[in-house]
Protein backbone atom coordinates (compact mmCIF):
# COMPACT_ATOMS: atom_id res chain seq x y z
CA MET A 1 -123.92 -128.04 81.61
CA GLN A 2 -124.05 -130.71 78.90
CA ILE A 3 -123.30 -134.37 79.64
CA LYS A 4 -122.97 -137.26 77.20
CA VAL A 5 -122.93 -140.90 78.26
CA LEU A 6 -124.10 -142.61 75.04
CA GLY A 7 -120.51 -143.34 74.07
CA PRO A 8 -117.45 -142.01 75.90
CA VAL A 9 -118.35 -139.90 78.94
CA GLU A 10 -118.17 -136.19 78.17
CA ALA A 11 -119.18 -133.24 80.33
CA LYS A 12 -118.94 -129.56 79.48
CA VAL A 13 -119.83 -126.35 81.27
CA ASN A 14 -119.90 -123.20 79.19
CA GLY A 15 -118.17 -125.16 76.43
CA ARG A 16 -115.29 -126.12 78.72
CA SER A 17 -114.62 -129.77 79.47
CA VAL A 18 -115.19 -130.83 83.06
CA THR A 19 -114.80 -134.54 82.34
CA PRO A 20 -112.59 -136.03 85.07
CA SER A 21 -109.56 -137.95 83.83
CA ALA A 22 -109.46 -140.28 86.84
CA ALA A 23 -111.55 -143.44 86.54
CA LYS A 24 -113.57 -143.34 89.77
CA PRO A 25 -114.73 -139.70 89.55
CA ARG A 26 -115.78 -140.48 85.97
CA GLN A 27 -117.83 -143.42 87.28
CA ILE A 28 -119.55 -141.13 89.78
CA LEU A 29 -120.29 -138.51 87.14
CA ALA A 30 -121.78 -141.12 84.79
CA LEU A 31 -124.03 -142.60 87.47
CA LEU A 32 -125.20 -139.20 88.68
CA ALA A 33 -125.88 -138.10 85.09
CA LEU A 34 -128.02 -141.15 84.38
CA HIS A 35 -130.10 -140.26 87.45
CA SER A 36 -129.94 -136.47 87.06
CA GLY A 37 -132.63 -134.77 89.09
CA SER A 38 -132.76 -137.67 91.55
CA VAL A 39 -130.70 -138.44 94.62
CA VAL A 40 -128.17 -141.25 94.26
CA SER A 41 -127.55 -142.70 97.70
CA VAL A 42 -124.12 -142.95 99.27
CA PRO A 43 -124.41 -146.78 99.58
CA THR A 44 -125.17 -147.00 95.85
CA LEU A 45 -122.14 -144.84 94.99
CA ILE A 46 -119.94 -146.90 97.28
CA GLU A 47 -121.19 -150.12 95.68
CA GLU A 48 -120.45 -148.64 92.25
CA LEU A 49 -116.88 -147.77 93.19
CA TRP A 50 -115.88 -150.76 95.31
CA ASP A 51 -118.56 -153.43 94.82
CA ASP A 52 -119.02 -155.37 98.08
CA ARG A 53 -115.47 -154.72 99.30
CA PRO A 54 -115.31 -151.02 100.20
CA PRO A 55 -112.31 -149.78 102.19
CA ARG A 56 -112.83 -148.38 105.68
CA SER A 57 -112.24 -144.92 104.26
CA ALA A 58 -114.92 -145.34 101.57
CA ARG A 59 -117.16 -142.46 102.67
CA THR A 60 -114.25 -140.07 103.10
CA THR A 61 -112.78 -141.06 99.76
CA LEU A 62 -116.17 -140.64 98.09
CA GLN A 63 -116.39 -137.11 99.51
CA THR A 64 -112.95 -136.41 98.03
CA TYR A 65 -114.14 -137.51 94.58
CA ILE A 66 -117.24 -135.30 94.92
CA LEU A 67 -115.00 -132.34 95.79
CA GLN A 68 -112.87 -133.05 92.72
CA LEU A 69 -115.95 -132.98 90.51
CA ARG A 70 -117.18 -129.77 92.11
CA ARG A 71 -113.77 -128.18 91.61
CA LEU A 72 -113.88 -128.94 87.89
CA ILE A 73 -117.43 -127.59 87.61
CA GLY A 74 -116.62 -124.53 89.72
CA GLU A 75 -113.60 -123.59 87.61
CA ALA A 76 -115.75 -123.70 84.47
CA LEU A 77 -118.46 -121.60 86.16
CA ALA A 78 -116.04 -119.02 87.57
CA SER A 79 -116.48 -116.48 84.78
CA SER A 80 -120.27 -116.76 84.57
CA ASP A 81 -123.22 -115.70 86.67
CA GLU A 82 -124.59 -119.22 86.89
CA SER A 83 -125.15 -120.99 90.20
CA GLY A 84 -122.13 -122.37 91.96
CA ALA A 85 -120.82 -125.90 91.78
CA LYS A 86 -122.56 -126.86 95.03
CA GLU A 87 -125.88 -126.00 93.43
CA VAL A 88 -125.10 -128.19 90.42
CA LEU A 89 -123.69 -131.16 92.30
CA VAL A 90 -125.91 -131.01 95.37
CA THR A 91 -125.47 -132.74 98.72
CA ARG A 92 -128.75 -134.17 99.93
CA TYR A 93 -129.62 -136.29 102.92
CA GLY A 94 -128.13 -139.72 102.28
CA GLY A 95 -126.62 -138.96 98.89
CA TYR A 96 -125.90 -136.59 96.04
CA LEU A 97 -127.95 -135.12 93.21
CA LEU A 98 -126.86 -133.69 89.86
CA ASP A 99 -129.21 -130.75 89.37
CA VAL A 100 -129.25 -130.12 85.63
CA PRO A 101 -132.14 -129.84 83.13
CA GLU A 102 -133.29 -133.14 81.65
CA GLU A 103 -132.24 -132.04 78.16
CA ALA A 104 -128.68 -131.47 79.39
CA VAL A 105 -128.03 -135.23 79.44
CA ASP A 106 -128.03 -137.06 76.10
CA VAL A 107 -129.62 -140.22 77.50
CA HIS A 108 -132.76 -138.31 78.48
CA GLU A 109 -133.06 -136.81 74.99
CA PHE A 110 -132.63 -140.31 73.54
CA GLU A 111 -135.44 -141.60 75.75
CA ARG A 112 -137.72 -138.67 74.83
CA LEU A 113 -137.23 -139.24 71.09
CA ALA A 114 -137.67 -143.00 71.56
CA ARG A 115 -141.00 -142.52 73.35
CA ALA A 116 -142.22 -140.15 70.65
CA GLY A 117 -141.12 -142.57 67.94
CA HIS A 118 -142.83 -145.55 69.54
CA ASN A 119 -146.01 -143.49 69.99
CA ALA A 120 -145.94 -142.52 66.31
CA TYR A 121 -145.48 -146.15 65.34
CA GLU A 122 -148.45 -147.23 67.44
CA ALA A 123 -150.49 -144.51 65.71
CA ASP A 124 -149.52 -145.99 62.31
CA ASP A 125 -147.53 -142.85 61.41
CA TYR A 126 -144.55 -144.82 60.13
CA ALA A 127 -142.78 -141.89 58.46
CA ALA A 128 -142.75 -139.92 61.71
CA ALA A 129 -141.79 -143.03 63.68
CA SER A 130 -138.82 -143.71 61.40
CA ARG A 131 -137.67 -140.07 61.58
CA LEU A 132 -137.93 -139.83 65.38
CA LEU A 133 -136.34 -143.21 66.03
CA ARG A 134 -133.47 -142.41 63.68
CA SER A 135 -132.91 -139.18 65.58
CA ALA A 136 -132.85 -141.14 68.84
CA LEU A 137 -130.27 -143.57 67.46
CA GLU A 138 -128.12 -140.68 66.21
CA MET A 139 -127.62 -139.64 69.84
CA TRP A 140 -125.33 -142.64 70.28
CA ARG A 141 -121.57 -142.24 69.64
CA GLY A 142 -120.65 -145.83 70.52
CA PRO A 143 -121.45 -148.28 73.33
CA ALA A 144 -122.87 -146.58 76.42
CA ILE A 145 -120.26 -145.27 78.86
CA VAL A 146 -117.61 -147.09 76.87
CA ASP A 147 -114.61 -145.53 78.63
CA VAL A 148 -115.67 -146.48 82.16
CA ARG A 149 -115.19 -149.81 83.91
CA PRO A 150 -118.61 -150.09 85.55
CA GLY A 151 -119.58 -151.41 88.93
CA MET A 152 -122.86 -153.21 89.51
CA PRO A 153 -125.20 -150.15 89.52
CA LEU A 154 -123.68 -148.67 86.36
CA GLY A 155 -123.49 -152.10 84.73
CA VAL A 156 -127.24 -152.57 85.19
CA GLU A 157 -127.87 -149.18 83.59
CA ILE A 158 -125.62 -150.00 80.64
CA VAL A 159 -127.52 -153.23 79.97
CA ARG A 160 -130.82 -151.33 80.16
CA LEU A 161 -129.61 -148.68 77.73
CA GLU A 162 -128.24 -151.17 75.22
CA GLU A 163 -131.53 -153.09 75.30
CA ALA A 164 -133.42 -149.85 74.77
CA ARG A 165 -131.15 -148.99 71.84
CA LEU A 166 -131.78 -152.36 70.22
CA GLY A 167 -135.54 -152.00 70.73
CA VAL A 168 -135.51 -148.59 69.06
CA LEU A 169 -133.50 -150.00 66.17
CA GLU A 170 -135.90 -152.91 65.65
CA THR A 171 -138.93 -150.61 65.70
CA ARG A 172 -137.30 -148.15 63.28
CA ILE A 173 -136.59 -151.01 60.86
CA GLU A 174 -140.18 -152.21 61.24
CA ALA A 175 -141.45 -148.70 60.45
CA ASP A 176 -139.32 -148.65 57.30
CA MET A 177 -140.65 -152.06 56.32
CA ARG A 178 -144.22 -150.82 56.75
CA MET A 179 -143.35 -148.13 54.19
CA GLY A 180 -142.07 -150.75 51.72
CA LYS A 181 -138.37 -149.88 52.08
CA HIS A 182 -137.26 -153.52 52.27
CA LYS A 183 -134.59 -153.27 49.56
CA SER A 184 -132.81 -150.36 51.25
CA LEU A 185 -132.76 -152.33 54.52
CA LEU A 186 -130.98 -155.41 53.19
CA SER A 187 -127.38 -154.34 53.77
CA GLU A 188 -128.15 -152.99 57.25
CA LEU A 189 -130.00 -156.16 58.24
CA ALA A 190 -127.22 -158.34 56.83
CA VAL A 191 -124.77 -156.68 59.21
CA LEU A 192 -127.17 -156.68 62.18
CA THR A 193 -127.94 -160.39 61.91
CA VAL A 194 -124.21 -161.12 62.02
CA GLN A 195 -123.76 -158.84 65.03
CA HIS A 196 -126.78 -160.40 66.77
CA PRO A 197 -126.79 -164.00 65.51
CA MET A 198 -129.45 -165.19 67.97
CA ASN A 199 -131.86 -162.28 67.65
CA GLU A 200 -135.02 -163.77 66.15
CA HIS A 201 -136.75 -160.45 65.52
CA LEU A 202 -133.90 -159.08 63.41
CA CYS A 203 -133.72 -162.41 61.59
CA ALA A 204 -137.46 -162.26 60.86
CA GLN A 205 -137.12 -158.73 59.50
CA TYR A 206 -134.20 -159.83 57.33
CA MET A 207 -136.08 -162.89 56.03
CA ILE A 208 -139.14 -160.85 55.06
CA SER A 209 -137.04 -158.14 53.41
CA LEU A 210 -135.12 -160.76 51.42
CA PHE A 211 -138.34 -162.45 50.33
CA ARG A 212 -139.82 -159.16 49.17
CA ALA A 213 -136.63 -158.43 47.25
CA GLY A 214 -137.06 -161.71 45.33
CA ARG A 215 -134.41 -163.60 47.28
CA GLN A 216 -136.47 -166.44 48.70
CA TRP A 217 -133.53 -168.84 48.93
CA GLN A 218 -131.46 -166.30 50.88
CA ALA A 219 -134.36 -165.79 53.28
CA LEU A 220 -134.38 -169.53 53.96
CA ASP A 221 -130.58 -169.46 54.35
CA ALA A 222 -130.97 -166.76 57.02
CA PHE A 223 -133.36 -169.03 58.91
CA ARG A 224 -130.97 -171.98 58.66
CA ALA A 225 -128.08 -169.84 59.95
CA LEU A 226 -130.11 -168.74 62.97
CA ARG A 227 -131.30 -172.28 63.67
CA ARG A 228 -127.75 -173.63 63.48
CA THR A 229 -126.53 -171.00 65.95
CA LEU A 230 -129.37 -171.62 68.40
CA VAL A 231 -128.92 -175.39 68.31
CA ASP A 232 -125.12 -175.23 68.59
CA GLU A 233 -125.00 -172.54 71.29
CA LEU A 234 -128.14 -173.20 73.34
CA GLY A 235 -129.48 -176.57 72.23
CA VAL A 236 -132.86 -175.06 71.33
CA GLU A 237 -134.89 -174.71 68.15
CA PRO A 238 -136.15 -171.37 66.77
CA SER A 239 -139.45 -170.19 68.21
CA ALA A 240 -142.77 -171.29 66.76
CA ARG A 241 -143.32 -167.84 65.30
CA LEU A 242 -140.05 -167.97 63.35
CA GLN A 243 -140.81 -171.48 62.15
CA GLN A 244 -144.20 -170.16 60.97
CA LEU A 245 -142.39 -167.42 59.07
CA GLN A 246 -140.10 -170.00 57.45
CA HIS A 247 -143.16 -171.99 56.36
CA ALA A 248 -144.79 -168.82 54.98
CA ILE A 249 -141.67 -168.17 52.89
CA VAL A 250 -141.52 -171.76 51.62
CA THR A 251 -145.19 -171.55 50.56
CA SER A 252 -144.92 -167.93 49.30
CA ASP A 253 -147.67 -166.79 51.67
CA PRO A 254 -149.25 -163.70 50.01
CA ARG A 255 -149.19 -161.82 53.33
CA LEU A 256 -145.41 -161.52 52.98
CA ASP A 257 -145.82 -159.18 50.02
CA ARG A 258 -147.97 -156.70 51.90
CA ALA A 259 -146.01 -153.93 53.57
CA GLU A 260 -149.04 -151.96 54.73
CA ALA A 261 -151.30 -152.19 57.79
CA ARG A 262 -150.81 -155.06 60.25
CA GLN A 263 -150.67 -157.98 57.82
CA LEU A 264 -147.49 -159.41 59.37
CA GLN A 265 -148.40 -158.95 63.02
CA GLY A 266 -148.86 -162.66 63.54
CA LEU A 267 -145.40 -163.37 62.18
CA LEU A 268 -143.45 -160.54 63.82
CA ALA A 269 -145.33 -160.03 67.10
């Protein structure tokens, strides 16, 4: 069984789609997939489906959705010697468990590659970090679980995943900067700073890359754009670290020209 949640929800068994078309069974499948190998409690599933207003028949209806999922899985397994649907979507005391290998769910492969990439970065192996983190980001096919209207439990997971994705992206860009690839990053960072207009870390990376590309005035423009957004939207000034970076650009601090080692840690930490 292969399940994808980093984009539209997709599930296949033996190459055959077992993705439910109905919204609520798809919610259940997504939540179980995110916690594959662990029991998801019945109260959590009920909260996901009906928030704090479950119908009296909630438990019975939940069992019906589980049966629908098992039917889809069982039909795909029918011609194989693999374990039956009840051994894939398992009933456990107090809840249900999706018993599939960790590598069968794309989010777990993303997290494995992300951990390896972050470890490589911490070991100063920036080429390996960039390669691994790029591979992690390539697992994504769009916003997480984009075709499901999430309840509270799934909504929390989506926020966590999107934050993890952004963290991987920022570290991959930093690895590329450490290798002196600032010019090749400019177009990507230009788009990212528009998409995330209050993200100071992306703005700092963009400012440094612009400075190294000989575009000092554009680097200062990027700072002014961020400051204007923060003041207008939140009534706050940029952080001290970003103001320090602006000052370093104004004074052409020689540290800004050094892509190697940890010369910029004080400005980007």
